Amino acid sequence: MSLSLALALFGAAVLAALAGHSYWQTRRREARRVVVAPPAEPREPVLREPGFDTPADPAPDESDQPVAEPPRTPRRNVPRIDALIDAVATLSVEVQISGDMALMHLPPTRRAGSKPFFIEGLNVQTREWEPPAAGQRYVEFQAGVQLANRGGALNEIEYSEFVQKVQAFAEGIGALPDFPDMLEVVARARELDTFASEHDAQLAVHLRSRSVAWSVGYIQQHAARHGFVPGMVPGRLVLPGAEEGAPPVLTLAFDSQAALSDDPNQAALRDVTLAFDVPQTDPLAEPFITWQASAQALSLGMDAAIVDDNGAPLSAESFGSIGAELKRLYDELAARDLAAGSAAARRLFS
């Protein structure tokens, strides 16, 4: 049986057999939305086979063959400092400063508490802002500290640490710094953090074994057939995006202790979590469709039920409203110039 036919039959079975509920639960920092997909439209790039979109003669069963990873595109070269999510200080100099001198005086760490900060110079030749580089010359500098991330809003202590480190850099290169008012910065940080908290979301489902327990190797084998590769964290597989260096489209997570055991293939696992990070992932990558199709394919291959955090089977009845809410979330992020998957959104929701 071809994978496309199997998916179609499984999707019909899900609609006919599963009954349950879906919920959309928002929580501060990591709002988690747990749902199950209806039968996915056959547009998912990872699971697509030749002839999937148009009628054709039945193809040989390719379910055991690894799916070729889509070609990567270079990561976009974007400015690191963004006035939308950073508090920006200007550093004026009377003479051109060499990149070598700037590098010599950069702070050893570019963090203020839990917030990253960046220092850039205006290149004499290109007239573009960039991190200081050896062999270049600069006529102005700027420093920006991130106003908020998933660790919360920039506070007074973190801002003071940023000021101290940038002040030391300014003295080293003979620059005159101009910092924004602390109270105004902290107020902006709190407002941005409130917005981020209200628009942070993950979509996730559990795949729970219907019969025998799984080994780590068994999970990896089935996930690899659909394009997943090992992540940086034990017990985490990822479906890479097309953009080099971008966050993964999907993550498949299981018990990290099993992954770290002396013999992972002796582990007995019965549950994995399939999720995608909404603000981190570009909608053009179709993560919602990919997530649904992957859940269906993996549940079929691994003989797993699709359930919520409480173990209740999930149906597709509420997907219309969930899809509409997801679109509203995308629209509200874009209206704030924080479109899901953009460089600013990835920094803010990190």
C-alpha atoms as a PDB file:
ATOM      1  CA  MET A   1       0.000   0.000   0.000  1.00  0.00           C
ATOM      2  CA  SER A   2       1.437   3.420  -0.892  1.00  0.00           C
ATOM      3  CA  LEU A   3       2.024   6.013   1.820  1.00  0.00           C
ATOM      4  CA  SER A   4      -0.489   8.383   0.217  1.00  0.00           C
ATOM      5  CA  LEU A   5      -3.239   5.752   0.268  1.00  0.00           C
ATOM      6  CA  ALA A   6      -2.347   4.768   3.824  1.00  0.00           C
ATOM      7  CA  LEU A   7      -2.575   8.378   4.961  1.00  0.00           C
ATOM      8  CA  ALA A   8      -5.955   8.789   3.290  1.00  0.00           C
ATOM      9  CA  LEU A   9      -7.317   5.648   4.955  1.00  0.00           C
ATOM     10  CA  PHE A  10      -5.873   6.663   8.296  1.00  0.00           C
ATOM     11  CA  GLY A  11      -7.321  10.138   8.060  1.00  0.00           C
ATOM     12  CA  ALA A  12     -10.752   8.643   7.410  1.00  0.00           C
ATOM     13  CA  ALA A  13     -10.301   6.316  10.371  1.00  0.00           C
ATOM     14  CA  VAL A  14      -9.374   9.229  12.624  1.00  0.00           C
ATOM     15  CA  LEU A  15     -12.521  11.098  11.655  1.00  0.00           C
ATOM     16  CA  ALA A  16     -14.722   8.030  12.131  1.00  0.00           C
ATOM     17  CA  ALA A  17     -13.210   6.537  15.281  1.00  0.00           C
ATOM     18  CA  LEU A  18     -11.697   9.254  17.433  1.00  0.00           C
ATOM     19  CA  ALA A  19     -13.851  11.312  19.746  1.00  0.00           C
ATOM     20  CA  GLY A  20     -12.527  13.742  22.247  1.00  0.00           C
ATOM     21  CA  HIS A  21     -11.717  17.325  22.733  1.00  0.00           C
ATOM     22  CA  SER A  22      -9.190  19.899  21.704  1.00  0.00           C
ATOM     23  CA  TYR A  23      -8.092  22.756  23.757  1.00  0.00           C
ATOM     24  CA  TRP A  24      -6.201  25.903  23.227  1.00  0.00           C
ATOM     25  CA  GLN A  25      -4.531  26.789  26.527  1.00  0.00           C
ATOM     26  CA  THR A  26      -2.514  29.952  26.755  1.00  0.00           C
ATOM     27  CA  ARG A  27       0.082  30.351  29.470  1.00  0.00           C
ATOM     28  CA  ARG A  28       2.709  32.994  30.113  1.00  0.00           C
ATOM     29  CA  ARG A  29       5.985  32.529  28.241  1.00  0.00           C
ATOM     30  CA  GLU A  30       5.008  29.267  26.571  1.00  0.00           C
ATOM     31  CA  ALA A  31       1.380  29.106  25.610  1.00  0.00           C
ATOM     32  CA  ARG A  32       0.717  25.534  24.535  1.00  0.00           C
ATOM     33  CA  ARG A  33      -2.026  24.551  22.096  1.00  0.00           C
ATOM     34  CA  VAL A  34      -2.696  20.831  21.877  1.00  0.00           C
ATOM     35  CA  VAL A  35      -4.834  19.573  19.017  1.00  0.00           C
ATOM     36  CA  VAL A  36      -5.041  16.781  16.484  1.00  0.00           C
ATOM     37  CA  ALA A  37      -5.189  17.235  12.785  1.00  0.00           C
ATOM     38  CA  PRO A  38      -7.964  16.390  10.373  1.00  0.00           C
ATOM     39  CA  PRO A  39      -6.923  14.532   7.235  1.00  0.00           C
ATOM     40  CA  ALA A  40      -4.204  16.747   5.827  1.00  0.00           C
ATOM     41  CA  GLU A  41      -4.401  18.122   2.356  1.00  0.00           C
ATOM     42  CA  PRO A  42      -1.714  16.396   0.255  1.00  0.00           C
ATOM     43  CA  ARG A  43       0.485  19.449   0.095  1.00  0.00           C
ATOM     44  CA  GLU A  44       2.950  18.569   2.858  1.00  0.00           C
ATOM     45  CA  PRO A  45       6.424  18.817   1.359  1.00  0.00           C
ATOM     46  CA  VAL A  46       8.138  16.234   3.564  1.00  0.00           C
ATOM     47  CA  LEU A  47       5.647  13.432   2.988  1.00  0.00           C
ATOM     48  CA  ARG A  48       4.935  14.089  -0.682  1.00  0.00           C
ATOM     49  CA  GLU A  49       5.585  11.324  -3.155  1.00  0.00           C
ATOM     50  CA  PRO A  50       5.632  11.499  -6.956  1.00  0.00           C
ATOM     51  CA  GLY A  51       2.091  11.667  -8.267  1.00  0.00           C
ATOM     52  CA  PHE A  52       0.657  12.596  -4.853  1.00  0.00           C
ATOM     53  CA  ASP A  53      -1.251  15.634  -6.112  1.00  0.00           C
ATOM     54  CA  THR A  54      -2.701  14.196  -9.311  1.00  0.00           C
ATOM     55  CA  PRO A  55      -4.254  10.818 -10.204  1.00  0.00           C
ATOM     56  CA  ALA A  56      -1.630   8.301 -11.253  1.00  0.00           C
ATOM     57  CA  ASP A  57      -0.941   4.612 -11.367  1.00  0.00           C
ATOM     58  CA  PRO A  58      -0.214   3.134  -7.936  1.00  0.00           C
ATOM     59  CA  ALA A  59       3.426   3.679  -7.009  1.00  0.00           C
ATOM     60  CA  PRO A  60       5.641   1.122  -5.269  1.00  0.00           C
ATOM     61  CA  ASP A  61       5.561   1.248  -1.490  1.00  0.00           C
ATOM     62  CA  GLU A  62       8.275   3.695  -0.483  1.00  0.00           C
ATOM     63  CA  SER A  63       7.384   3.939   3.196  1.00  0.00           C
ATOM     64  CA  ASP A  64      10.734   2.453   4.208  1.00  0.00           C
ATOM     65  CA  GLN A  65      12.779   4.847   2.139  1.00  0.00           C
ATOM     66  CA  PRO A  66      14.180   8.009   3.781  1.00  0.00           C
ATOM     67  CA  VAL A  67      12.574  11.163   2.449  1.00  0.00           C
ATOM     68  CA  ALA A  68      15.087  13.445   0.772  1.00  0.00           C
ATOM     69  CA  GLU A  69      15.675  16.624   2.733  1.00  0.00           C
ATOM     70  CA  PRO A  70      14.695  19.767   0.788  1.00  0.00           C
ATOM     71  CA  PRO A  71      17.586  21.934  -0.401  1.00  0.00           C
ATOM     72  CA  ARG A  72      18.655  24.583   2.061  1.00  0.00           C
ATOM     73  CA  THR A  73      18.652  28.261   1.232  1.00  0.00           C
ATOM     74  CA  PRO A  74      21.180  30.650   2.765  1.00  0.00           C
ATOM     75  CA  ARG A  75      20.074  32.329   5.934  1.00  0.00           C
ATOM     76  CA  ARG A  76      19.020  35.929   5.428  1.00  0.00           C
ATOM     77  CA  ASN A  77      21.636  38.508   6.400  1.00  0.00           C
ATOM     78  CA  VAL A  78      19.669  40.889   8.599  1.00  0.00           C
ATOM     79  CA  PRO A  79      20.734  43.698  10.946  1.00  0.00           C
ATOM     80  CA  ARG A  80      21.297  42.432  14.447  1.00  0.00           C
ATOM     81  CA  ILE A  81      20.040  45.580  16.169  1.00  0.00           C
ATOM     82  CA  ASP A  82      16.348  46.316  15.661  1.00  0.00           C
ATOM     83  CA  ALA A  83      14.740  49.388  17.243  1.00  0.00           C
ATOM     84  CA  LEU A  84      11.476  47.437  17.376  1.00  0.00           C
ATOM     85  CA  ILE A  85      12.744  45.071  20.059  1.00  0.00           C
ATOM     86  CA  ASP A  86      15.969  46.734  21.263  1.00  0.00           C
ATOM     87  CA  ALA A  87      16.759  49.796  23.363  1.00  0.00           C
ATOM     88  CA  VAL A  88      19.384  51.534  21.250  1.00  0.00           C
ATOM     89  CA  ALA A  89      22.252  53.752  22.442  1.00  0.00           C
ATOM     90  CA  THR A  90      24.355  55.816  20.025  1.00  0.00           C
ATOM     91  CA  LEU A  91      28.124  56.170  20.377  1.00  0.00           C
ATOM     92  CA  SER A  92      29.565  59.183  18.549  1.00  0.00           C
ATOM     93  CA  VAL A  93      33.247  59.390  17.624  1.00  0.00           C
ATOM     94  CA  GLU A  94      35.231  62.351  16.302  1.00  0.00           C
ATOM     95  CA  VAL A  95      37.611  60.279  14.186  1.00  0.00           C
ATOM     96  CA  GLN A  96      37.350  57.025  12.312  1.00  0.00           C
ATOM     97  CA  ILE A  97      37.870  53.951  14.501  1.00  0.00           C
ATOM     98  CA  SER A  98      39.504  50.797  13.206  1.00  0.00           C
ATOM     99  CA  GLY A  99      37.712  47.501  13.572  1.00  0.00           C
ATOM    100  CA  ASP A 100      40.793  46.096  15.293  1.00  0.00           C
ATOM    101  CA  MET A 101      40.588  48.760  17.989  1.00  0.00           C
ATOM    102  CA  ALA A 102      36.869  48.217  18.448  1.00  0.00           C
ATOM    103  CA  LEU A 103      37.355  44.468  18.789  1.00  0.00           C
ATOM    104  CA  MET A 104      40.021  45.040  21.401  1.00  0.00           C
ATOM    105  CA  HIS A 105      37.575  46.907  23.656  1.00  0.00           C
ATOM    106  CA  LEU A 106      34.403  44.870  23.133  1.00  0.00           C
ATOM    107  CA  PRO A 107      32.942  43.473  26.377  1.00  0.00           C
ATOM    108  CA  PRO A 108      33.968  39.837  26.931  1.00  0.00           C
ATOM    109  CA  THR A 109      30.289  38.834  27.121  1.00  0.00           C
ATOM    110  CA  ARG A 110      27.417  40.508  25.334  1.00  0.00           C
ATOM    111  CA  ARG A 111      24.648  39.752  27.809  1.00  0.00           C
ATOM    112  CA  ALA A 112      22.994  41.881  30.464  1.00  0.00           C
ATOM    113  CA  GLY A 113      21.356  39.421  32.816  1.00  0.00           C
ATOM    114  CA  SER A 114      19.183  37.235  30.592  1.00  0.00           C
ATOM    115  CA  LYS A 115      19.122  39.749  27.724  1.00  0.00           C
ATOM    116  CA  PRO A 116      21.556  39.785  24.793  1.00  0.00           C
ATOM    117  CA  PHE A 117      22.999  43.056  23.574  1.00  0.00           C
ATOM    118  CA  PHE A 118      24.863  43.919  20.419  1.00  0.00           C
ATOM    119  CA  ILE A 119      27.399  46.513  19.312  1.00  0.00           C
ATOM    120  CA  GLU A 120      27.624  47.598  15.688  1.00  0.00           C
ATOM    121  CA  GLY A 121      29.681  50.062  13.706  1.00  0.00           C
ATOM    122  CA  LEU A 122      28.803  52.133  10.631  1.00  0.00           C
ATOM    123  CA  ASN A 123      31.257  50.952   7.996  1.00  0.00           C
ATOM    124  CA  VAL A 124      33.067  53.795   6.217  1.00  0.00           C
ATOM    125  CA  GLN A 125      33.042  52.084   2.829  1.00  0.00           C
ATOM    126  CA  THR A 126      29.729  50.220   2.740  1.00  0.00           C
ATOM    127  CA  ARG A 127      27.771  52.742   4.874  1.00  0.00           C
ATOM    128  CA  GLU A 128      26.077  49.759   6.523  1.00  0.00           C
ATOM    129  CA  TRP A 129      25.813  48.784  10.161  1.00  0.00           C
ATOM    130  CA  GLU A 130      27.719  45.620  11.059  1.00  0.00           C
ATOM    131  CA  PRO A 131      29.475  43.947  13.978  1.00  0.00           C
ATOM    132  CA  PRO A 132      33.024  45.362  14.184  1.00  0.00           C
ATOM    133  CA  ALA A 133      35.423  43.442  11.953  1.00  0.00           C
ATOM    134  CA  ALA A 134      39.198  43.511  11.648  1.00  0.00           C
ATOM    135  CA  GLY A 135      40.520  45.558   8.736  1.00  0.00           C
ATOM    136  CA  GLN A 136      37.450  47.814   8.559  1.00  0.00           C
ATOM    137  CA  ARG A 137      36.941  51.403   9.679  1.00  0.00           C
ATOM    138  CA  TYR A 138      33.900  52.941  11.348  1.00  0.00           C
ATOM    139  CA  VAL A 139      32.531  56.460  11.754  1.00  0.00           C
ATOM    140  CA  GLU A 140      29.831  55.733  14.331  1.00  0.00           C
ATOM    141  CA  PHE A 141      28.740  52.975  16.681  1.00  0.00           C
ATOM    142  CA  GLN A 142      25.502  51.866  18.256  1.00  0.00           C
ATOM    143  CA  ALA A 143      24.571  49.375  20.952  1.00  0.00           C
ATOM    144  CA  GLY A 144      21.229  47.694  21.466  1.00  0.00           C
ATOM    145  CA  VAL A 145      19.916  45.573  24.328  1.00  0.00           C
ATOM    146  CA  GLN A 146      16.910  43.309  23.800  1.00  0.00           C
ATOM    147  CA  LEU A 147      13.800  44.574  25.571  1.00  0.00           C
ATOM    148  CA  ALA A 148      12.158  41.196  26.189  1.00  0.00           C
ATOM    149  CA  ASN A 149      12.409  37.475  25.540  1.00  0.00           C
ATOM    150  CA  ARG A 150      10.834  34.357  26.980  1.00  0.00           C
ATOM    151  CA  GLY A 151      12.749  35.059  30.173  1.00  0.00           C
ATOM    152  CA  GLY A 152      10.674  38.204  30.740  1.00  0.00           C
ATOM    153  CA  ALA A 153      11.034  41.957  30.309  1.00  0.00           C
ATOM    154  CA  LEU A 154      14.295  43.884  30.596  1.00  0.00           C
ATOM    155  CA  ASN A 155      14.484  45.234  34.151  1.00  0.00           C
ATOM    156  CA  GLU A 156      16.366  48.105  35.775  1.00  0.00           C
ATOM    157  CA  ILE A 157      19.264  45.927  36.938  1.00  0.00           C
ATOM    158  CA  GLU A 158      19.779  44.417  33.484  1.00  0.00           C
ATOM    159  CA  TYR A 159      19.598  47.833  31.829  1.00  0.00           C
ATOM    160  CA  SER A 160      22.169  49.224  34.291  1.00  0.00           C
ATOM    161  CA  GLU A 161      24.497  46.332  33.473  1.00  0.00           C
ATOM    162  CA  PHE A 162      24.082  47.087  29.758  1.00  0.00           C
ATOM    163  CA  VAL A 163      24.916  50.760  30.341  1.00  0.00           C
ATOM    164  CA  GLN A 164      28.041  49.902  32.354  1.00  0.00           C
ATOM    165  CA  LYS A 165      29.400  47.513  29.732  1.00  0.00           C
ATOM    166  CA  VAL A 166      28.709  49.860  26.828  1.00  0.00           C
ATOM    167  CA  GLN A 167      30.167  52.801  28.776  1.00  0.00           C
ATOM    168  CA  ALA A 168      33.417  50.872  29.236  1.00  0.00           C
ATOM    169  CA  PHE A 169      33.525  50.122  25.500  1.00  0.00           C
ATOM    170  CA  ALA A 170      32.863  53.790  24.684  1.00  0.00           C
ATOM    171  CA  GLU A 171      35.708  54.924  26.927  1.00  0.00           C
ATOM    172  CA  GLY A 172      38.041  52.430  25.290  1.00  0.00           C
ATOM    173  CA  ILE A 173      37.463  53.802  21.784  1.00  0.00           C
ATOM    174  CA  GLY A 174      36.979  57.441  22.785  1.00  0.00           C
ATOM    175  CA  ALA A 175      33.259  57.589  21.966  1.00  0.00           C
ATOM    176  CA  LEU A 176      30.532  59.712  23.539  1.00  0.00           C
ATOM    177  CA  PRO A 177      27.536  57.486  24.388  1.00  0.00           C
ATOM    178  CA  ASP A 178      23.917  58.627  24.496  1.00  0.00           C
ATOM    179  CA  PHE A 179      21.616  56.226  26.361  1.00  0.00           C
ATOM    180  CA  PRO A 180      17.806  56.290  26.341  1.00  0.00           C
ATOM    181  CA  ASP A 181      16.070  57.046  29.642  1.00  0.00           C
ATOM    182  CA  MET A 182      15.882  53.994  31.918  1.00  0.00           C
ATOM    183  CA  LEU A 183      12.244  54.473  32.945  1.00  0.00           C
ATOM    184  CA  GLU A 184      11.143  54.795  29.323  1.00  0.00           C
ATOM    185  CA  VAL A 185      13.135  51.711  28.341  1.00  0.00           C
ATOM    186  CA  VAL A 186      11.708  49.592  31.160  1.00  0.00           C
ATOM    187  CA  ALA A 187       8.176  50.723  30.326  1.00  0.00           C
ATOM    188  CA  ARG A 188       8.692  49.747  26.676  1.00  0.00           C
ATOM    189  CA  ALA A 189      10.112  46.411  27.775  1.00  0.00           C
ATOM    190  CA  ARG A 190       7.085  45.620  29.931  1.00  0.00           C
ATOM    191  CA  GLU A 191       4.653  46.553  27.173  1.00  0.00           C
ATOM    192  CA  LEU A 192       6.503  44.400  24.632  1.00  0.00           C
ATOM    193  CA  ASP A 193       6.692  41.528  27.103  1.00  0.00           C
ATOM    194  CA  THR A 194       2.927  41.719  27.661  1.00  0.00           C
ATOM    195  CA  PHE A 195       2.303  41.580  23.928  1.00  0.00           C
ATOM    196  CA  ALA A 196       4.706  38.656  23.532  1.00  0.00           C
ATOM    197  CA  SER A 197       3.102  36.723  26.381  1.00  0.00           C
ATOM    198  CA  GLU A 198      -0.318  37.104  24.796  1.00  0.00           C
ATOM    199  CA  HIS A 199       0.914  35.940  21.387  1.00  0.00           C
ATOM    200  CA  ASP A 200       3.247  33.088  22.311  1.00  0.00           C
ATOM    201  CA  ALA A 201       2.046  29.623  21.336  1.00  0.00           C
ATOM    202  CA  GLN A 202       3.045  26.077  20.553  1.00  0.00           C
ATOM    203  CA  LEU A 203       1.002  23.404  18.834  1.00  0.00           C
ATOM    204  CA  ALA A 204       1.606  19.945  20.220  1.00  0.00           C
ATOM    205  CA  VAL A 205       0.155  16.441  20.282  1.00  0.00           C
ATOM    206  CA  HIS A 206       1.227  13.236  21.998  1.00  0.00           C
ATOM    207  CA  LEU A 207       1.675  10.004  20.094  1.00  0.00           C
ATOM    208  CA  ARG A 208       1.002   7.178  22.569  1.00  0.00           C
ATOM    209  CA  SER A 209       1.708   3.522  21.862  1.00  0.00           C
ATOM    210  CA  ARG A 210      -1.380   1.340  21.413  1.00  0.00           C
ATOM    211  CA  SER A 211       0.502  -1.906  22.070  1.00  0.00           C
ATOM    212  CA  VAL A 212       4.196  -2.626  22.641  1.00  0.00           C
ATOM    213  CA  ALA A 213       6.665  -0.097  24.000  1.00  0.00           C
ATOM    214  CA  TRP A 214       9.182   1.545  21.676  1.00  0.00           C
ATOM    215  CA  SER A 215      12.958   1.660  21.814  1.00  0.00           C
ATOM    216  CA  VAL A 216      14.886   4.817  21.033  1.00  0.00           C
ATOM    217  CA  GLY A 217      16.099   3.257  17.805  1.00  0.00           C
ATOM    218  CA  TYR A 218      12.550   2.375  16.764  1.00  0.00           C
ATOM    219  CA  ILE A 219      11.426   5.989  17.212  1.00  0.00           C
ATOM    220  CA  GLN A 220      14.458   7.317  15.353  1.00  0.00           C
ATOM    221  CA  GLN A 221      13.930   4.862  12.499  1.00  0.00           C
ATOM    222  CA  HIS A 222      10.312   5.889  11.922  1.00  0.00           C
ATOM    223  CA  ALA A 223      11.057   9.594  12.344  1.00  0.00           C
ATOM    224  CA  ALA A 224      13.962   9.431   9.877  1.00  0.00           C
ATOM    225  CA  ARG A 225      11.581   8.134   7.187  1.00  0.00           C
ATOM    226  CA  HIS A 226       9.787  11.465   7.367  1.00  0.00           C
ATOM    227  CA  GLY A 227      12.823  13.744   7.385  1.00  0.00           C
ATOM    228  CA  PHE A 228      13.605  14.045  11.112  1.00  0.00           C
ATOM    229  CA  VAL A 229      17.215  14.208  12.239  1.00  0.00           C
ATOM    230  CA  PRO A 230      18.819  14.208  15.713  1.00  0.00           C
ATOM    231  CA  GLY A 231      18.638  17.557  17.502  1.00  0.00           C
ATOM    232  CA  MET A 232      21.214  19.186  19.760  1.00  0.00           C
ATOM    233  CA  VAL A 233      19.379  18.032  22.907  1.00  0.00           C
ATOM    234  CA  PRO A 234      19.175  14.334  23.876  1.00  0.00           C
ATOM    235  CA  GLY A 235      15.703  12.943  23.300  1.00  0.00           C
ATOM    236  CA  ARG A 236      14.890  15.497  20.620  1.00  0.00           C
ATOM    237  CA  LEU A 237      14.532  14.961  16.873  1.00  0.00           C
ATOM    238  CA  VAL A 238      13.911  17.870  14.524  1.00  0.00           C
ATOM    239  CA  LEU A 239      12.518  18.415  11.058  1.00  0.00           C
ATOM    240  CA  PRO A 240      14.879  21.065   9.600  1.00  0.00           C
ATOM    241  CA  GLY A 241      13.578  24.014   7.642  1.00  0.00           C
ATOM    242  CA  ALA A 242      14.747  25.015   4.181  1.00  0.00           C
ATOM    243  CA  GLU A 243      16.590  28.059   5.539  1.00  0.00           C
ATOM    244  CA  GLU A 244      20.068  27.310   6.837  1.00  0.00           C
ATOM    245  CA  GLY A 245      20.399  28.072  10.538  1.00  0.00           C
ATOM    246  CA  ALA A 246      16.675  28.647  11.053  1.00  0.00           C
ATOM    247  CA  PRO A 247      14.726  26.958  13.876  1.00  0.00           C
ATOM    248  CA  PRO A 248      13.310  23.540  12.988  1.00  0.00           C
ATOM    249  CA  VAL A 249       9.843  23.281  11.487  1.00  0.00           C
ATOM    250  CA  LEU A 250       8.851  20.491  13.899  1.00  0.00           C
ATOM    251  CA  THR A 251      10.286  18.803  16.969  1.00  0.00           C
ATOM    252  CA  LEU A 252       9.707  15.241  18.128  1.00  0.00           C
ATOM    253  CA  ALA A 253      10.616  14.803  21.789  1.00  0.00           C
ATOM    254  CA  PHE A 254      10.822  11.823  24.124  1.00  0.00           C
ATOM    255  CA  ASP A 255      12.375  11.007  27.503  1.00  0.00           C
ATOM    256  CA  SER A 256      15.931  12.381  27.517  1.00  0.00           C
ATOM    257  CA  GLN A 257      17.024   9.854  30.150  1.00  0.00           C
ATOM    258  CA  ALA A 258      16.254   7.055  27.717  1.00  0.00           C
ATOM    259  CA  ALA A 259      18.370   8.742  25.061  1.00  0.00           C
ATOM    260  CA  LEU A 260      21.275   9.054  27.518  1.00  0.00           C
ATOM    261  CA  SER A 261      21.075   5.504  28.853  1.00  0.00           C
ATOM    262  CA  ASP A 262      23.924   3.038  28.306  1.00  0.00           C
ATOM    263  CA  ASP A 263      21.773   1.037  25.901  1.00  0.00           C
ATOM    264  CA  PRO A 264      19.041   3.286  24.420  1.00  0.00           C
ATOM    265  CA  ASN A 265      17.581   0.376  22.481  1.00  0.00           C
ATOM    266  CA  GLN A 266      16.652  -1.320  25.773  1.00  0.00           C
ATOM    267  CA  ALA A 267      14.520   1.665  26.792  1.00  0.00           C
ATOM    268  CA  ALA A 268      10.752   1.195  26.933  1.00  0.00           C
ATOM    269  CA  LEU A 269       9.002   4.313  25.641  1.00  0.00           C
ATOM    270  CA  ARG A 270       5.292   4.717  25.076  1.00  0.00           C
ATOM    271  CA  ASP A 271       4.927   8.447  24.423  1.00  0.00           C
ATOM    272  CA  VAL A 272       6.478  11.070  22.136  1.00  0.00           C
ATOM    273  CA  THR A 273       5.463  14.702  21.667  1.00  0.00           C
ATOM    274  CA  LEU A 274       5.225  16.299  18.226  1.00  0.00           C
ATOM    275  CA  ALA A 275       5.184  20.095  18.263  1.00  0.00           C
ATOM    276  CA  PHE A 276       5.963  23.297  16.410  1.00  0.00           C
ATOM    277  CA  ASP A 277       6.755  26.725  17.779  1.00  0.00           C
ATOM    278  CA  VAL A 278       4.267  29.135  16.180  1.00  0.00           C
ATOM    279  CA  PRO A 279       6.139  32.500  16.358  1.00  0.00           C
ATOM    280  CA  GLN A 280       9.485  30.891  15.522  1.00  0.00           C
ATOM    281  CA  THR A 281       8.298  29.253  12.300  1.00  0.00           C
ATOM    282  CA  ASP A 282       7.565  30.972   8.987  1.00  0.00           C
ATOM    283  CA  PRO A 283       3.981  30.228   7.854  1.00  0.00           C
ATOM    284  CA  LEU A 284       5.301  29.867   4.300  1.00  0.00           C
ATOM    285  CA  ALA A 285       6.925  26.613   5.464  1.00  0.00           C
ATOM    286  CA  GLU A 286       3.363  25.347   6.118  1.00  0.00           C
ATOM    287  CA  PRO A 287       4.198  24.069   9.610  1.00  0.00           C
ATOM    288  CA  PHE A 288       0.522  23.534  10.479  1.00  0.00           C
ATOM    289  CA  ILE A 289      -0.034  21.200   7.526  1.00  0.00           C
ATOM    290  CA  THR A 290       3.332  19.505   7.985  1.00  0.00           C
ATOM    291  CA  TRP A 291       2.617  18.954  11.670  1.00  0.00           C
ATOM    292  CA  GLN A 292      -0.758  17.376  10.956  1.00  0.00           C
ATOM    293  CA  ALA A 293       0.550  15.099   8.198  1.00  0.00           C
ATOM    294  CA  SER A 294       3.551  14.031  10.273  1.00  0.00           C
ATOM    295  CA  ALA A 295       1.335  13.181  13.246  1.00  0.00           C
ATOM    296  CA  GLN A 296      -0.879  11.025  11.055  1.00  0.00           C
ATOM    297  CA  ALA A 297       2.010   9.275   9.308  1.00  0.00           C
ATOM    298  CA  LEU A 298       3.934   8.592  12.516  1.00  0.00           C
ATOM    299  CA  SER A 299       0.869   7.375  14.377  1.00  0.00           C
ATOM    300  CA  LEU A 300       0.121   4.987  11.523  1.00  0.00           C
ATOM    301  CA  GLY A 301       3.646   3.632  11.262  1.00  0.00           C
ATOM    302  CA  MET A 302       4.202   3.335  15.010  1.00  0.00           C
ATOM    303  CA  ASP A 303       0.693   2.083  15.911  1.00  0.00           C
ATOM    304  CA  ALA A 304       0.117   5.117  18.136  1.00  0.00           C
ATOM    305  CA  ALA A 305      -2.938   7.046  19.289  1.00  0.00           C
ATOM    306  CA  ILE A 306      -3.035  10.847  18.972  1.00  0.00           C
ATOM    307  CA  VAL A 307      -3.923  12.257  22.393  1.00  0.00           C
ATOM    308  CA  ASP A 308      -3.766  15.409  24.502  1.00  0.00           C
ATOM    309  CA  ASP A 309      -1.733  16.037  27.673  1.00  0.00           C
ATOM    310  CA  ASN A 310      -4.283  14.107  29.740  1.00  0.00           C
ATOM    311  CA  GLY A 311      -4.230  11.103  27.419  1.00  0.00           C
ATOM    312  CA  ALA A 312      -7.658  11.793  25.935  1.00  0.00           C
ATOM    313  CA  PRO A 313      -8.101  10.939  22.238  1.00  0.00           C
ATOM    314  CA  LEU A 314      -8.429  14.013  20.047  1.00  0.00           C
ATOM    315  CA  SER A 315     -10.691  14.600  17.076  1.00  0.00           C
ATOM    316  CA  ALA A 316     -10.772  17.079  14.199  1.00  0.00           C
ATOM    317  CA  GLU A 317     -14.095  18.706  15.112  1.00  0.00           C
ATOM    318  CA  SER A 318     -12.681  21.981  16.360  1.00  0.00           C
ATOM    319  CA  PHE A 319      -9.996  22.435  13.714  1.00  0.00           C
ATOM    320  CA  GLY A 320     -11.942  25.103  11.874  1.00  0.00           C
ATOM    321  CA  SER A 321     -11.964  27.406  14.896  1.00  0.00           C
ATOM    322  CA  ILE A 322      -8.360  26.545  15.795  1.00  0.00           C
ATOM    323  CA  GLY A 323      -7.230  27.331  12.258  1.00  0.00           C
ATOM    324  CA  ALA A 324      -9.050  30.645  12.409  1.00  0.00           C
ATOM    325  CA  GLU A 325      -7.407  31.488  15.729  1.00  0.00           C
ATOM    326  CA  LEU A 326      -4.015  30.538  14.352  1.00  0.00           C
ATOM    327  CA  LYS A 327      -4.592  32.879  11.399  1.00  0.00           C
ATOM    328  CA  ARG A 328      -5.612  35.655  13.791  1.00  0.00           C
ATOM    329  CA  LEU A 329      -2.407  35.118  15.746  1.00  0.00           C
ATOM    330  CA  TYR A 330      -0.342  35.308  12.559  1.00  0.00           C
ATOM    331  CA  ASP A 331      -2.152  38.506  11.537  1.00  0.00           C
ATOM    332  CA  GLU A 332      -1.615  40.190  14.909  1.00  0.00           C
ATOM    333  CA  LEU A 333       2.073  39.343  14.916  1.00  0.00           C
ATOM    334  CA  ALA A 334       2.462  40.704  11.386  1.00  0.00           C
ATOM    335  CA  ALA A 335       0.581  43.895  12.297  1.00  0.00           C
ATOM    336  CA  ARG A 336       3.194  44.513  15.004  1.00  0.00           C
ATOM    337  CA  ASP A 337       5.980  43.922  12.436  1.00  0.00           C
ATOM    338  CA  LEU A 338       6.786  40.704  14.288  1.00  0.00           C
ATOM    339  CA  ALA A 339       5.627  38.234  11.650  1.00  0.00           C
ATOM    340  CA  ALA A 340       6.095  34.607  12.666  1.00  0.00           C
ATOM    341  CA  GLY A 341       9.458  33.340  11.468  1.00  0.00           C
ATOM    342  CA  SER A 342      10.961  36.829  11.062  1.00  0.00           C
ATOM    343  CA  ALA A 343      14.335  37.629  12.620  1.00  0.00           C
ATOM    344  CA  ALA A 344      12.705  39.947  15.180  1.00  0.00           C
ATOM    345  CA  ALA A 345      10.089  37.366  16.169  1.00  0.00           C
ATOM    346  CA  ARG A 346      12.684  34.635  16.540  1.00  0.00           C
ATOM    347  CA  ARG A 347      14.694  36.850  18.862  1.00  0.00           C
ATOM    348  CA  LEU A 348      11.690  37.994  20.882  1.00  0.00           C
ATOM    349  CA  PHE A 349      10.243  34.497  21.296  1.00  0.00           C
ATOM    350  CA  SER A 350      13.502  32.867  22.394  1.00  0.00           C
END
